[in-house]
């Protein structure tokens, strides 16, 4: 049982160290900026929808 567990741990470590390709700093920064812009855009859309629904609700229920 422990032999299989340690074998799986060793294989996982070797895969992470030798077979996985990690992004460069430039690629990582580009991805982070993309996520930041998308998050801000979604936040603005949700804010506009919230204000629109608030206006509709204050008109319906004065």
PDB file of N, CA and C in Angstrom:
ATOM      1  N   UNK A   1       0.818  -1.181   0.000  1.00  0.00           N
ATOM      2  CA  UNK A   1       0.000   0.000   0.000  1.00  0.00           C
ATOM      3  C   UNK A   1       0.873   1.262   0.000  1.00  0.00           C
ATOM      4  N   UNK A   2       1.844   1.326   0.916  1.00  0.00           N
ATOM      5  CA  UNK A   2       2.713   2.489   0.972  1.00  0.00           C
ATOM      6  C   UNK A   2       3.633   2.555  -0.238  1.00  0.00           C
ATOM      7  N   UNK A   3       3.988   1.402  -0.765  1.00  0.00           N
ATOM      8  CA  UNK A   3       4.866   1.348  -1.930  1.00  0.00           C
ATOM      9  C   UNK A   3       4.190   2.027  -3.124  1.00  0.00           C
ATOM     10  N   UNK A   4       2.909   1.756  -3.318  1.00  0.00           N
ATOM     11  CA  UNK A   4       2.161   2.366  -4.420  1.00  0.00           C
ATOM     12  C   UNK A   4       2.011   3.874  -4.195  1.00  0.00           C
ATOM     13  N   UNK A   5       1.757   4.269  -2.953  1.00  0.00           N
ATOM     14  CA  UNK A   5       1.610   5.682  -2.627  1.00  0.00           C
ATOM     15  C   UNK A   5       2.891   6.459  -2.933  1.00  0.00           C
ATOM     16  N   UNK A   6       4.037   5.934  -2.479  1.00  0.00           N
ATOM     17  CA  UNK A   6       5.304   6.620  -2.719  1.00  0.00           C
ATOM     18  C   UNK A   6       5.676   6.599  -4.193  1.00  0.00           C
ATOM     19  N   UNK A   7       5.306   5.554  -4.885  1.00  0.00           N
ATOM     20  CA  UNK A   7       5.551   5.489  -6.322  1.00  0.00           C
ATOM     21  C   UNK A   7       4.751   6.573  -7.046  1.00  0.00           C
ATOM     22  N   UNK A   8       3.497   6.753  -6.668  1.00  0.00           N
ATOM     23  CA  UNK A   8       2.673   7.805  -7.271  1.00  0.00           C
ATOM     24  C   UNK A   8       3.224   9.189  -6.958  1.00  0.00           C
ATOM     25  N   UNK A   9       3.684   9.398  -5.738  1.00  0.00           N
ATOM     26  CA  UNK A   9       4.275  10.688  -5.363  1.00  0.00           C
ATOM     27  C   UNK A   9       5.526  10.969  -6.193  1.00  0.00           C
ATOM     28  N   UNK A  10       6.370   9.966  -6.359  1.00  0.00           N
ATOM     29  CA  UNK A  10       7.602  10.126  -7.135  1.00  0.00           C
ATOM     30  C   UNK A  10       7.283  10.438  -8.596  1.00  0.00           C
ATOM     31  N   UNK A  11       6.314   9.729  -9.175  1.00  0.00           N
ATOM     32  CA  UNK A  11       5.924   9.978 -10.556  1.00  0.00           C
ATOM     33  C   UNK A  11       5.341  11.376 -10.729  1.00  0.00           C
ATOM     34  N   UNK A  12       4.542  11.812  -9.775  1.00  0.00           N
ATOM     35  CA  UNK A  12       3.956  13.151  -9.842  1.00  0.00           C
ATOM     36  C   UNK A  12       5.039  14.218  -9.780  1.00  0.00           C
ATOM     37  N   UNK A  13       6.002  14.035  -8.882  1.00  0.00           N
ATOM     38  CA  UNK A  13       7.104  14.989  -8.761  1.00  0.00           C
ATOM     39  C   UNK A  13       7.909  15.048 -10.053  1.00  0.00           C
ATOM     40  N   UNK A  14       8.235  13.898 -10.629  1.00  0.00           N
ATOM     41  CA  UNK A  14       9.011  13.867 -11.862  1.00  0.00           C
ATOM     42  C   UNK A  14       8.260  14.528 -13.015  1.00  0.00           C
ATOM     43  N   UNK A  15       6.957  14.329 -13.059  1.00  0.00           N
ATOM     44  CA  UNK A  15       6.172  14.962 -14.112  1.00  0.00           C
ATOM     45  C   UNK A  15       6.174  16.474 -13.955  1.00  0.00           C
ATOM     46  N   UNK A  16       6.019  16.959 -12.725  1.00  0.00           N
ATOM     47  CA  UNK A  16       6.032  18.409 -12.494  1.00  0.00           C
ATOM     48  C   UNK A  16       7.385  19.031 -12.829  1.00  0.00           C
ATOM     49  N   UNK A  17       8.466  18.332 -12.504  1.00  0.00           N
ATOM     50  CA  UNK A  17       9.796  18.896 -12.700  1.00  0.00           C
ATOM     51  C   UNK A  17      10.258  18.788 -14.150  1.00  0.00           C
ATOM     52  N   UNK A  18      10.023  17.646 -14.781  1.00  0.00           N
ATOM     53  CA  UNK A  18      10.640  17.395 -16.082  1.00  0.00           C
ATOM     54  C   UNK A  18       9.698  17.486 -17.277  1.00  0.00           C
ATOM     55  N   UNK A  19       8.403  17.300 -17.094  1.00  0.00           N
ATOM     56  CA  UNK A  19       7.498  17.246 -18.239  1.00  0.00           C
ATOM     57  C   UNK A  19       6.575  18.453 -18.359  1.00  0.00           C
ATOM     58  N   UNK A  20       6.434  19.216 -17.296  1.00  0.00           N
ATOM     59  CA  UNK A  20       5.526  20.356 -17.309  1.00  0.00           C
ATOM     60  C   UNK A  20       6.240  21.579 -17.861  1.00  0.00           C
ATOM     61  N   UNK A  21       5.556  22.309 -18.743  1.00  0.00           N
ATOM     62  CA  UNK A  21       6.118  23.561 -19.242  1.00  0.00           C
ATOM     63  C   UNK A  21       5.449  24.709 -18.508  1.00  0.00           C
ATOM     64  N   UNK A  22       6.246  25.569 -17.938  1.00  0.00           N
ATOM     65  CA  UNK A  22       5.742  26.694 -17.173  1.00  0.00           C
ATOM     66  C   UNK A  22       5.809  27.947 -18.028  1.00  0.00           C
ATOM     67  N   UNK A  23       4.842  28.863 -17.885  1.00  0.00           N
ATOM     68  CA  UNK A  23       4.866  30.089 -18.691  1.00  0.00           C
ATOM     69  C   UNK A  23       6.012  31.007 -18.248  1.00  0.00           C
ATOM     70  N   UNK A  24       6.475  31.790 -19.213  1.00  0.00           N
ATOM     71  CA  UNK A  24       7.519  32.761 -18.888  1.00  0.00           C
ATOM     72  C   UNK A  24       6.888  33.925 -18.124  1.00  0.00           C
ATOM     73  N   UNK A  25       7.738  34.776 -17.597  1.00  0.00           N
ATOM     74  CA  UNK A  25       7.239  35.931 -16.849  1.00  0.00           C
ATOM     75  C   UNK A  25       6.416  36.858 -17.733  1.00  0.00           C
ATOM     76  N   UNK A  26       6.833  37.010 -18.979  1.00  0.00           N
ATOM     77  CA  UNK A  26       6.122  37.881 -19.912  1.00  0.00           C
ATOM     78  C   UNK A  26       4.737  37.303 -20.233  1.00  0.00           C
ATOM     79  N   UNK A  27       4.661  35.995 -20.464  1.00  0.00           N
ATOM     80  CA  UNK A  27       3.376  35.346 -20.734  1.00  0.00           C
ATOM     81  C   UNK A  27       2.453  35.447 -19.523  1.00  0.00           C
ATOM     82  N   UNK A  28       3.019  35.263 -18.347  1.00  0.00           N
ATOM     83  CA  UNK A  28       2.234  35.328 -17.120  1.00  0.00           C
ATOM     84  C   UNK A  28       1.688  36.735 -16.887  1.00  0.00           C
ATOM     85  N   UNK A  29       2.503  37.756 -17.145  1.00  0.00           N
ATOM     86  CA  UNK A  29       2.058  39.141 -16.994  1.00  0.00           C
ATOM     87  C   UNK A  29       0.945  39.458 -17.990  1.00  0.00           C
ATOM     88  N   UNK A  30       1.084  38.979 -19.219  1.00  0.00           N
ATOM     89  CA  UNK A  30       0.045  39.202 -20.227  1.00  0.00           C
ATOM     90  C   UNK A  30      -1.270  38.561 -19.829  1.00  0.00           C
ATOM     91  N   UNK A  31      -1.201  37.352 -19.301  1.00  0.00           N
ATOM     92  CA  UNK A  31      -2.415  36.669 -18.851  1.00  0.00           C
ATOM     93  C   UNK A  31      -3.047  37.404 -17.670  1.00  0.00           C
ATOM     94  N   UNK A  32      -2.223  37.882 -16.763  1.00  0.00           N
ATOM     95  CA  UNK A  32      -2.740  38.602 -15.593  1.00  0.00           C
ATOM     96  C   UNK A  32      -3.445  39.892 -16.019  1.00  0.00           C
ATOM     97  N   UNK A  33      -2.889  40.587 -16.986  1.00  0.00           N
ATOM     98  CA  UNK A  33      -3.504  41.828 -17.476  1.00  0.00           C
ATOM     99  C   UNK A  33      -4.830  41.512 -18.165  1.00  0.00           C
ATOM    100  N   UNK A  34      -4.865  40.430 -18.928  1.00  0.00           N
ATOM    101  CA  UNK A  34      -6.109  40.020 -19.598  1.00  0.00           C
ATOM    102  C   UNK A  34      -7.195  39.716 -18.576  1.00  0.00           C
ATOM    103  N   UNK A  35      -6.847  38.999 -17.526  1.00  0.00           N
ATOM    104  CA  UNK A  35      -7.824  38.663 -16.480  1.00  0.00           C
ATOM    105  C   UNK A  35      -8.283  39.929 -15.763  1.00  0.00           C
ATOM    106  N   UNK A  36      -7.379  40.848 -15.490  1.00  0.00           N
ATOM    107  CA  UNK A  36      -7.731  42.103 -14.831  1.00  0.00           C
ATOM    108  C   UNK A  36      -8.713  42.904 -15.671  1.00  0.00           C
ATOM    109  N   UNK A  37      -8.445  43.034 -16.959  1.00  0.00           N
ATOM    110  CA  UNK A  37      -9.326  43.799 -17.847  1.00  0.00           C
ATOM    111  C   UNK A  37     -10.699  43.122 -17.948  1.00  0.00           C
ATOM    112  N   UNK A  38     -10.723  41.811 -18.093  1.00  0.00           N
ATOM    113  CA  UNK A  38     -12.002  41.090 -18.182  1.00  0.00           C
ATOM    114  C   UNK A  38     -12.792  41.253 -16.883  1.00  0.00           C
ATOM    115  N   UNK A  39     -12.123  41.181 -15.741  1.00  0.00           N
ATOM    116  CA  UNK A  39     -12.807  41.338 -14.450  1.00  0.00           C
ATOM    117  C   UNK A  39     -13.397  42.733 -14.303  1.00  0.00           C
ATOM    118  N   UNK A  40     -12.653  43.737 -14.700  1.00  0.00           N
ATOM    119  CA  UNK A  40     -13.154  45.114 -14.621  1.00  0.00           C
ATOM    120  C   UNK A  40     -14.333  45.315 -15.569  1.00  0.00           C
ATOM    121  N   UNK A  41     -14.258  44.746 -16.759  1.00  0.00           N
ATOM    122  CA  UNK A  41     -15.351  44.861 -17.713  1.00  0.00           C
ATOM    123  C   UNK A  41     -16.611  44.201 -17.179  1.00  0.00           C
ATOM    124  N   UNK A  42     -16.496  43.029 -16.618  1.00  0.00           N
ATOM    125  CA  UNK A  42     -17.653  42.341 -16.040  1.00  0.00           C
ATOM    126  C   UNK A  42     -18.218  43.143 -14.868  1.00  0.00           C
ATOM    127  N   UNK A  43     -17.349  43.721 -14.046  1.00  0.00           N
ATOM    128  CA  UNK A  43     -17.810  44.526 -12.911  1.00  0.00           C
ATOM    129  C   UNK A  43     -18.593  45.749 -13.395  1.00  0.00           C
ATOM    130  N   UNK A  44     -18.134  46.374 -14.454  1.00  0.00           N
ATOM    131  CA  UNK A  44     -18.842  47.548 -14.999  1.00  0.00           C
ATOM    132  C   UNK A  44     -20.201  47.136 -15.548  1.00  0.00           C
ATOM    133  N   UNK A  45     -20.262  46.023 -16.257  1.00  0.00           N
ATOM    134  CA  UNK A  45     -21.539  45.544 -16.804  1.00  0.00           C
ATOM    135  C   UNK A  45     -22.517  45.226 -15.673  1.00  0.00           C
ATOM    136  N   UNK A  46     -22.058  44.561 -14.623  1.00  0.00           N
ATOM    137  CA  UNK A  46     -22.924  44.241 -13.493  1.00  0.00           C
ATOM    138  C   UNK A  46     -23.388  45.521 -12.801  1.00  0.00           C
ATOM    139  N   UNK A  47     -22.519  46.511 -12.674  1.00  0.00           N
ATOM    140  CA  UNK A  47     -22.885  47.784 -12.055  1.00  0.00           C
ATOM    141  C   UNK A  47     -23.976  48.486 -12.867  1.00  0.00           C
ATOM    142  N   UNK A  48     -23.821  48.503 -14.188  1.00  0.00           N
ATOM    143  CA  UNK A  48     -24.817  49.146 -15.053  1.00  0.00           C
ATOM    144  C   UNK A  48     -26.154  48.410 -14.950  1.00  0.00           C
ATOM    145  N   UNK A  49     -26.122  47.083 -14.953  1.00  0.00           N
ATOM    146  CA  UNK A  49     -27.359  46.313 -14.817  1.00  0.00           C
ATOM    147  C   UNK A  49     -28.020  46.583 -13.466  1.00  0.00           C
ATOM    148  N   UNK A  50     -27.231  46.676 -12.411  1.00  0.00           N
ATOM    149  CA  UNK A  50     -27.759  46.940 -11.075  1.00  0.00           C
ATOM    150  C   UNK A  50     -28.450  48.298 -11.027  1.00  0.00           C
ATOM    151  N   UNK A  51     -27.813  49.310 -11.599  1.00  0.00           N
ATOM    152  CA  UNK A  51     -28.410  50.648 -11.604  1.00  0.00           C
ATOM    153  C   UNK A  51     -29.685  50.677 -12.450  1.00  0.00           C
ATOM    154  N   UNK A  52     -29.694  49.942 -13.566  1.00  0.00           N
ATOM    155  CA  UNK A  52     -30.891  49.892 -14.401  1.00  0.00           C
ATOM    156  C   UNK A  52     -32.040  49.236 -13.649  1.00  0.00           C
ATOM    157  N   UNK A  53     -31.791  48.100 -13.011  1.00  0.00           N
ATOM    158  CA  UNK A  53     -32.842  47.426 -12.246  1.00  0.00           C
ATOM    159  C   UNK A  53     -33.298  48.270 -11.048  1.00  0.00           C
ATOM    160  N   UNK A  54     -32.373  48.989 -10.448  1.00  0.00           N
ATOM    161  CA  UNK A  54     -32.738  49.865  -9.348  1.00  0.00           C
ATOM    162  C   UNK A  54     -33.679  50.965  -9.832  1.00  0.00           C
ATOM    163  N   UNK A  55     -33.384  51.521 -11.005  1.00  0.00           N
ATOM    164  CA  UNK A  55     -34.266  52.544 -11.564  1.00  0.00           C
ATOM    165  C   UNK A  55     -35.641  51.996 -11.905  1.00  0.00           C
ATOM    166  N   UNK A  56     -35.668  50.795 -12.452  1.00  0.00           N
ATOM    167  CA  UNK A  56     -36.956  50.165 -12.781  1.00  0.00           C
ATOM    168  C   UNK A  56     -37.754  49.901 -11.513  1.00  0.00           C
ATOM    169  N   UNK A  57     -37.115  49.393 -10.480  1.00  0.00           N
ATOM    170  CA  UNK A  57     -37.804  49.062  -9.226  1.00  0.00           C
ATOM    171  C   UNK A  57     -38.315  50.312  -8.512  1.00  0.00           C
ATOM    172  N   UNK A  58     -37.555  51.408  -8.545  1.00  0.00           N
ATOM    173  CA  UNK A  58     -38.033  52.641  -7.911  1.00  0.00           C
ATOM    174  C   UNK A  58     -39.191  53.244  -8.708  1.00  0.00           C
ATOM    175  N   UNK A  59     -39.260  52.958  -9.998  1.00  0.00           N
ATOM    176  CA  UNK A  59     -40.391  53.429 -10.799  1.00  0.00           C
ATOM    177  C   UNK A  59     -41.627  52.576 -10.509  1.00  0.00           C
ATOM    178  N   UNK A  60     -41.447  51.282 -10.395  1.00  0.00           N
ATOM    179  CA  UNK A  60     -42.576  50.371 -10.155  1.00  0.00           C
ATOM    180  C   UNK A  60     -43.074  50.514  -8.717  1.00  0.00           C
ATOM    181  N   UNK A  61     -42.141  50.567  -7.760  1.00  0.00           N
ATOM    182  CA  UNK A  61     -42.494  50.671  -6.333  1.00  0.00           C
ATOM    183  C   UNK A  61     -41.969  51.990  -5.772  1.00  0.00           C
ATOM    184  N   UNK A  62     -42.750  53.070  -5.948  1.00  0.00           N
ATOM    185  CA  UNK A  62     -42.260  54.395  -5.465  1.00  0.00           C
ATOM    186  C   UNK A  62     -42.186  54.534  -3.984  1.00  0.00           C
TER     187      UNK A  62
END
